[in-house]
Amino acid sequence: MGYGLLCASLAAICWGVAPIFQKLALKDMGLTELNAVRGIGLLAVLLPVFFFGKKDLFLPEANFYMILMFVALVNNVIGDLFAFIAIRDIGVSLASPITSAYPLAVALISWLCFGETMTVFVLAGTFAVVTGLTFLNIRGAAPSSHHLYGVGAACLAALCWALGLSLNKYLTLQGINSVRITFWRGVFFSFMALGNWTSLKALRPEKKRGLKDIPLLGRVAGAWSGVLSLVIGAWFYASSLFMIPMNVATPIASSSPLIAALIACAFTGERLRPIQWLGIAFVISGAVVVTA
């Protein structure tokens, strides 16, 4: 139990730091370029594991590969692209708390599909998260279409992540360990991201730079954001699911927005009003209440 809580907490730290690297990378590249750079970083880490690791990484059934391909597409390609749009448009300190609403969807899916308990605390958590999101989006002036677009993208990212994490739970129930889940999801994401970027570059070469033309700092930041979120953080989260229920592990891991907001305000110049800090507290509290 204690090791499971520790793994979920370490996942929160990794997922809280990764958006800072993503925002830094987005200064030098576009969304598809960032995904491609993340894919290269993942392959640099995962392929040596495949060739030199002692663990058997192959899955027992072919349908598990299809599930992990779908997880990579929904969670790490589509969902992360929405998250990048939100980070670009409204900043890390606002985007991260909004995307952290995904535990509510995860709790619903867990109840419907895995028989995990749905209690009145889920309703209380829902109310807290909705209140927190309202506070987060209170601004001095009327929200612009640019701001609303970023908020909508963050909400869509949360829905995609919830679906992907729920499928992670299904795989653990089938006996697929965290190393295999993390490895194959990362590999499938890498090839999808690189294939998407290559296709767009071939169709519109005048609009896309070669990755080598991107500043080194941007490439390093982008690669590290992928390794932190999709390898290290994902492994810690998947490991926690073997020792504690998903509706306990997920809210703990979802405390990452507080880490992201603190770092963003300290190092990237973003500023939040007191009521928005209160909104972050409501969102995280709502996610924690769901565990009851």
Protein backbone atom coordinates (compact mmCIF):
# COMPACT_ATOMS: atom_id res chain seq x y z
CA MET A 1 0.00 0.00 0.00
CA GLY A 2 2.75 2.45 0.99
CA TYR A 3 4.78 1.71 -2.14
CA GLY A 4 1.69 2.26 -4.28
CA LEU A 5 1.09 5.68 -2.72
CA LEU A 6 4.76 6.57 -3.23
CA CYS A 7 4.60 5.59 -6.91
CA ALA A 8 1.46 7.68 -7.44
CA SER A 9 3.14 10.66 -5.74
CA LEU A 10 6.26 10.35 -7.91
CA ALA A 11 4.03 10.21 -10.98
CA ALA A 12 2.47 13.51 -9.85
CA ILE A 13 5.90 15.13 -9.62
CA CYS A 14 6.91 13.94 -13.10
CA TRP A 15 3.61 15.06 -14.61
CA GLY A 16 3.85 18.41 -12.84
CA VAL A 17 7.32 19.19 -14.19
CA ALA A 18 6.73 17.96 -17.77
CA PRO A 19 4.41 20.87 -18.82
CA ILE A 20 7.15 23.36 -17.94
CA PHE A 21 9.46 21.66 -20.44
CA GLN A 22 6.60 21.56 -22.96
CA LYS A 23 6.00 25.30 -22.71
CA LEU A 24 9.73 25.96 -23.08
CA ALA A 25 9.82 23.75 -26.18
CA LEU A 26 6.76 25.43 -27.72
CA LYS A 27 8.71 28.69 -27.93
CA ASP A 28 10.87 27.10 -30.64
CA MET A 29 8.50 24.71 -32.45
CA GLY A 30 4.92 23.88 -33.35
CA LEU A 31 2.62 21.23 -31.91
CA THR A 32 3.42 18.42 -34.35
CA GLU A 33 7.13 19.18 -34.09
CA LEU A 34 6.96 18.91 -30.33
CA ASN A 35 5.28 15.52 -30.58
CA ALA A 36 7.96 14.37 -33.04
CA VAL A 37 10.76 15.51 -30.72
CA ARG A 38 9.08 13.76 -27.80
CA GLY A 39 8.89 10.63 -29.94
CA ILE A 40 12.62 10.73 -30.67
CA GLY A 41 13.35 11.16 -26.95
CA LEU A 42 11.16 8.17 -26.12
CA LEU A 43 12.79 5.94 -28.74
CA ALA A 44 16.24 6.91 -27.43
CA VAL A 45 15.18 5.58 -24.02
CA LEU A 46 12.95 2.65 -24.97
CA LEU A 47 14.87 0.94 -27.77
CA PRO A 48 17.94 0.17 -25.58
CA VAL A 49 15.49 -1.34 -23.07
CA PHE A 50 14.14 -3.58 -25.83
CA PHE A 51 17.54 -4.73 -27.10
CA PHE A 52 19.43 -4.99 -23.83
CA GLY A 53 16.76 -5.40 -21.15
CA LYS A 54 16.35 -8.73 -19.42
CA LYS A 55 12.56 -8.51 -19.11
CA ASP A 56 10.26 -10.14 -21.66
CA LEU A 57 8.46 -7.20 -23.26
CA PHE A 58 6.24 -9.08 -25.69
CA LEU A 59 2.51 -9.25 -24.96
CA PRO A 60 0.67 -12.59 -24.69
CA GLU A 61 -2.17 -11.70 -27.09
CA ALA A 62 -2.32 -9.67 -30.30
CA ASN A 63 -5.39 -7.69 -29.18
CA PHE A 64 -3.34 -6.14 -26.36
CA TYR A 65 -1.14 -4.47 -28.98
CA MET A 66 -4.25 -2.99 -30.59
CA ILE A 67 -5.45 -1.67 -27.23
CA LEU A 68 -2.10 -0.04 -26.53
CA MET A 69 -2.04 1.50 -29.99
CA PHE A 70 -5.46 3.00 -29.26
CA VAL A 71 -4.24 4.24 -25.85
CA ALA A 72 -1.24 5.89 -27.48
CA LEU A 73 -3.45 7.55 -30.09
CA VAL A 74 -6.16 8.83 -27.72
CA ASN A 75 -4.04 9.60 -24.68
CA ASN A 76 -0.64 10.67 -25.99
CA VAL A 77 -1.32 11.96 -29.52
CA ILE A 78 -4.81 13.48 -29.48
CA GLY A 79 -5.04 14.21 -25.76
CA ASP A 80 -1.56 15.68 -25.51
CA LEU A 81 -2.09 17.84 -28.60
CA PHE A 82 -5.14 19.36 -26.90
CA ALA A 83 -3.02 19.89 -23.78
CA PHE A 84 -0.29 21.63 -25.82
CA ILE A 85 -2.89 23.94 -27.35
CA ALA A 86 -4.14 24.80 -23.86
CA ILE A 87 -0.61 25.43 -22.56
CA ARG A 88 0.11 27.65 -25.55
CA ASP A 89 -3.13 29.64 -25.24
CA ILE A 90 -3.71 29.97 -21.48
CA GLY A 91 -0.39 28.96 -19.90
CA VAL A 92 0.74 26.09 -17.70
CA SER A 93 -0.71 27.51 -14.48
CA LEU A 94 -4.27 27.47 -15.88
CA ALA A 95 -4.08 24.57 -18.33
CA SER A 96 -2.71 22.02 -15.85
CA PRO A 97 -5.48 22.42 -13.23
CA ILE A 98 -8.20 22.21 -15.89
CA THR A 99 -6.78 19.03 -17.42
CA SER A 100 -6.55 17.56 -13.92
CA ALA A 101 -10.36 17.20 -13.90
CA TYR A 102 -9.88 13.81 -15.60
CA PRO A 103 -10.20 11.79 -12.32
CA LEU A 104 -13.94 12.44 -12.39
CA ALA A 105 -14.27 10.75 -15.76
CA VAL A 106 -11.92 8.00 -14.60
CA ALA A 107 -14.08 7.39 -11.52
CA LEU A 108 -17.19 7.09 -13.68
CA ILE A 109 -15.49 4.66 -16.07
CA SER A 110 -14.13 2.65 -13.13
CA TRP A 111 -17.63 2.35 -11.70
CA LEU A 112 -19.24 1.37 -15.00
CA CYS A 113 -16.55 -0.97 -16.32
CA PHE A 114 -14.48 -2.28 -13.40
CA GLY A 115 -16.99 -2.44 -10.56
CA GLU A 116 -15.14 0.07 -8.38
CA THR A 117 -17.27 1.88 -5.82
CA MET A 118 -19.21 5.01 -6.78
CA THR A 119 -20.22 6.96 -3.68
CA VAL A 120 -21.71 10.28 -2.71
CA PHE A 121 -18.13 11.58 -2.38
CA VAL A 122 -17.83 11.46 -6.16
CA LEU A 123 -20.68 13.96 -6.34
CA ALA A 124 -18.96 16.14 -3.75
CA GLY A 125 -15.71 15.88 -5.70
CA THR A 126 -17.54 16.82 -8.89
CA PHE A 127 -18.99 19.91 -7.25
CA ALA A 128 -15.54 20.91 -5.93
CA VAL A 129 -13.90 20.48 -9.33
CA VAL A 130 -16.60 22.43 -11.16
CA THR A 131 -16.34 25.21 -8.55
CA GLY A 132 -12.57 25.21 -8.90
CA LEU A 133 -12.73 25.44 -12.67
CA THR A 134 -15.12 28.37 -12.36
CA PHE A 135 -12.71 30.18 -10.03
CA LEU A 136 -9.78 29.43 -12.33
CA ASN A 137 -11.51 31.16 -15.20
CA ILE A 138 -12.60 34.30 -13.36
CA ARG A 139 -10.66 37.12 -14.96
CA GLY A 140 -10.63 40.89 -14.68
CA ALA A 141 -12.20 41.22 -18.13
CA ALA A 142 -14.60 39.12 -20.17
CA PRO A 143 -12.90 35.97 -21.45
CA SER A 144 -11.61 36.28 -25.00
CA SER A 145 -12.27 33.70 -27.69
CA HIS A 146 -8.56 32.83 -27.45
CA HIS A 147 -8.96 32.05 -23.73
CA LEU A 148 -12.14 30.03 -24.26
CA TYR A 149 -10.43 28.06 -27.02
CA GLY A 150 -7.62 27.15 -24.62
CA VAL A 151 -10.07 26.14 -21.88
CA GLY A 152 -12.00 23.95 -24.31
CA ALA A 153 -8.78 22.28 -25.44
CA ALA A 154 -7.84 21.56 -21.81
CA CYS A 155 -11.24 19.94 -21.16
CA LEU A 156 -10.90 17.74 -24.25
CA ALA A 157 -7.41 16.72 -23.12
CA ALA A 158 -8.87 15.65 -19.76
CA LEU A 159 -11.48 13.45 -21.48
CA CYS A 160 -8.87 11.79 -23.70
CA TRP A 161 -6.57 11.13 -20.75
CA ALA A 162 -9.41 9.60 -18.74
CA LEU A 163 -10.17 7.12 -21.52
CA GLY A 164 -6.53 6.19 -21.93
CA LEU A 165 -5.92 5.71 -18.20
CA SER A 166 -9.04 3.57 -17.89
CA LEU A 167 -7.74 1.28 -20.63
CA ASN A 168 -4.46 1.12 -18.70
CA LYS A 169 -6.47 -0.24 -15.78
CA TYR A 170 -8.08 -2.86 -18.03
CA LEU A 171 -4.65 -4.06 -19.13
CA THR A 172 -3.42 -4.37 -15.55
CA LEU A 173 -6.49 -6.48 -14.75
CA GLN A 174 -5.43 -8.77 -17.61
CA GLY A 175 -2.04 -9.24 -15.95
CA ILE A 176 -0.02 -6.92 -18.22
CA ASN A 177 2.70 -5.36 -16.08
CA SER A 178 3.66 -1.69 -15.99
CA VAL A 179 6.93 -2.21 -17.88
CA ARG A 180 5.13 -3.69 -20.90
CA ILE A 181 2.37 -1.06 -20.81
CA THR A 182 4.85 1.82 -20.63
CA PHE A 183 7.16 0.36 -23.28
CA TRP A 184 4.60 -0.44 -25.99
CA ARG A 185 2.54 2.67 -25.46
CA GLY A 186 5.70 4.76 -25.78
CA VAL A 187 6.85 2.93 -28.92
CA PHE A 188 3.46 3.24 -30.63
CA PHE A 189 3.24 6.92 -29.71
CA SER A 190 6.73 7.59 -31.07
CA PHE A 191 5.99 6.09 -34.47
CA MET A 192 2.60 7.84 -34.64
CA ALA A 193 4.11 11.22 -33.75
CA LEU A 194 7.02 10.87 -36.17
CA GLY A 195 4.73 9.56 -38.91
CA ASN A 196 2.35 12.49 -38.46
CA TRP A 197 5.17 15.04 -38.62
CA THR A 198 6.77 13.35 -41.64
CA SER A 199 3.46 13.29 -43.51
CA LEU A 200 2.75 16.96 -42.84
CA LYS A 201 6.28 17.93 -43.85
CA ALA A 202 5.92 15.99 -47.11
CA LEU A 203 2.59 17.66 -47.89
CA ARG A 204 3.69 21.18 -46.96
CA PRO A 205 7.50 21.31 -46.97
CA GLU A 206 7.53 25.11 -47.04
CA LYS A 207 5.65 25.21 -43.72
CA LYS A 208 7.71 22.67 -41.78
CA ARG A 209 11.34 22.94 -40.68
CA GLY A 210 13.65 20.01 -40.35
CA LEU A 211 13.99 18.96 -36.72
CA LYS A 212 17.71 19.69 -36.87
CA ASP A 213 16.84 23.36 -37.59
CA ILE A 214 15.06 23.71 -34.25
CA PRO A 215 17.26 25.26 -31.51
CA LEU A 216 19.02 22.69 -29.34
CA LEU A 217 17.39 23.96 -26.14
CA GLY A 218 13.94 23.42 -27.63
CA ARG A 219 14.80 19.90 -28.77
CA VAL A 220 16.21 18.95 -25.37
CA ALA A 221 13.21 20.43 -23.53
CA GLY A 222 10.77 18.65 -25.83
CA ALA A 223 12.54 15.31 -25.51
CA TRP A 224 12.69 15.56 -21.72
CA SER A 225 9.01 16.43 -21.51
CA GLY A 226 8.23 13.15 -23.27
CA VAL A 227 10.57 11.05 -21.14
CA LEU A 228 9.23 12.55 -17.90
CA SER A 229 5.54 12.18 -18.73
CA LEU A 230 5.41 9.08 -20.93
CA VAL A 231 8.20 6.92 -19.50
CA ILE A 232 9.09 7.81 -15.92
CA GLY A 233 5.74 9.24 -14.80
CA ALA A 234 3.74 6.62 -16.72
CA TRP A 235 5.77 3.79 -15.21
CA PHE A 236 5.24 5.10 -11.67
CA TYR A 237 1.51 5.47 -12.29
CA ALA A 238 1.11 2.03 -13.87
CA SER A 239 3.10 0.49 -11.00
CA SER A 240 0.81 2.11 -8.43
CA LEU A 241 -2.24 0.41 -10.01
CA PHE A 242 -0.95 -3.00 -8.91
CA MET A 243 -1.05 -1.98 -5.24
CA ILE A 244 -3.86 0.55 -4.82
CA PRO A 245 -7.21 1.06 -6.64
CA MET A 246 -7.30 3.33 -9.69
CA ASN A 247 -9.73 5.70 -7.97
CA VAL A 248 -7.06 6.18 -5.26
CA ALA A 249 -3.97 6.33 -7.47
CA THR A 250 -5.43 8.73 -10.04
CA PRO A 251 -6.40 11.58 -7.67
CA ILE A 252 -2.97 11.40 -6.00
CA ALA A 253 -1.25 11.58 -9.36
CA SER A 254 -3.58 14.40 -10.38
CA SER A 255 -2.09 16.70 -7.73
CA SER A 256 0.51 17.51 -10.41
CA PRO A 257 -1.26 20.80 -11.39
CA LEU A 258 -0.25 22.38 -8.09
CA ILE A 259 3.39 21.50 -8.79
CA ALA A 260 3.06 22.80 -12.36
CA ALA A 261 1.40 26.06 -11.26
CA LEU A 262 4.03 26.76 -8.59
CA ILE A 263 6.90 26.16 -11.00
CA ALA A 264 5.22 28.17 -13.77
CA CYS A 265 4.71 31.15 -11.49
CA ALA A 266 8.24 30.90 -10.11
CA PHE A 267 10.17 30.46 -13.35
CA THR A 268 8.07 31.38 -16.40
CA GLY A 269 6.53 34.67 -15.29
CA GLU A 270 2.93 33.45 -15.18
CA ARG A 271 0.77 35.02 -12.50
CA LEU A 272 -2.44 33.82 -10.86
CA ARG A 273 -4.94 35.88 -8.89
CA PRO A 274 -5.85 34.71 -5.35
CA ILE A 275 -9.22 33.40 -6.53
CA GLN A 276 -7.44 31.29 -9.15
CA TRP A 277 -5.18 29.76 -6.50
CA LEU A 278 -8.39 28.97 -4.63
CA GLY A 279 -9.66 27.34 -7.81
CA ILE A 280 -6.57 25.11 -7.95
CA ALA A 281 -7.20 24.11 -4.32
CA PHE A 282 -10.82 23.22 -5.16
CA VAL A 283 -9.84 21.15 -8.19
CA ILE A 284 -7.20 19.15 -6.33
CA SER A 285 -9.44 18.76 -3.27
CA GLY A 286 -12.26 17.51 -5.47
CA ALA A 287 -9.96 14.94 -7.04
CA VAL A 288 -8.85 13.76 -3.59
CA VAL A 289 -12.44 13.58 -2.30
CA VAL A 290 -13.25 11.17 -5.12
CA THR A 291 -10.98 8.61 -3.44
CA ALA A 292 -13.36 8.42 -0.48
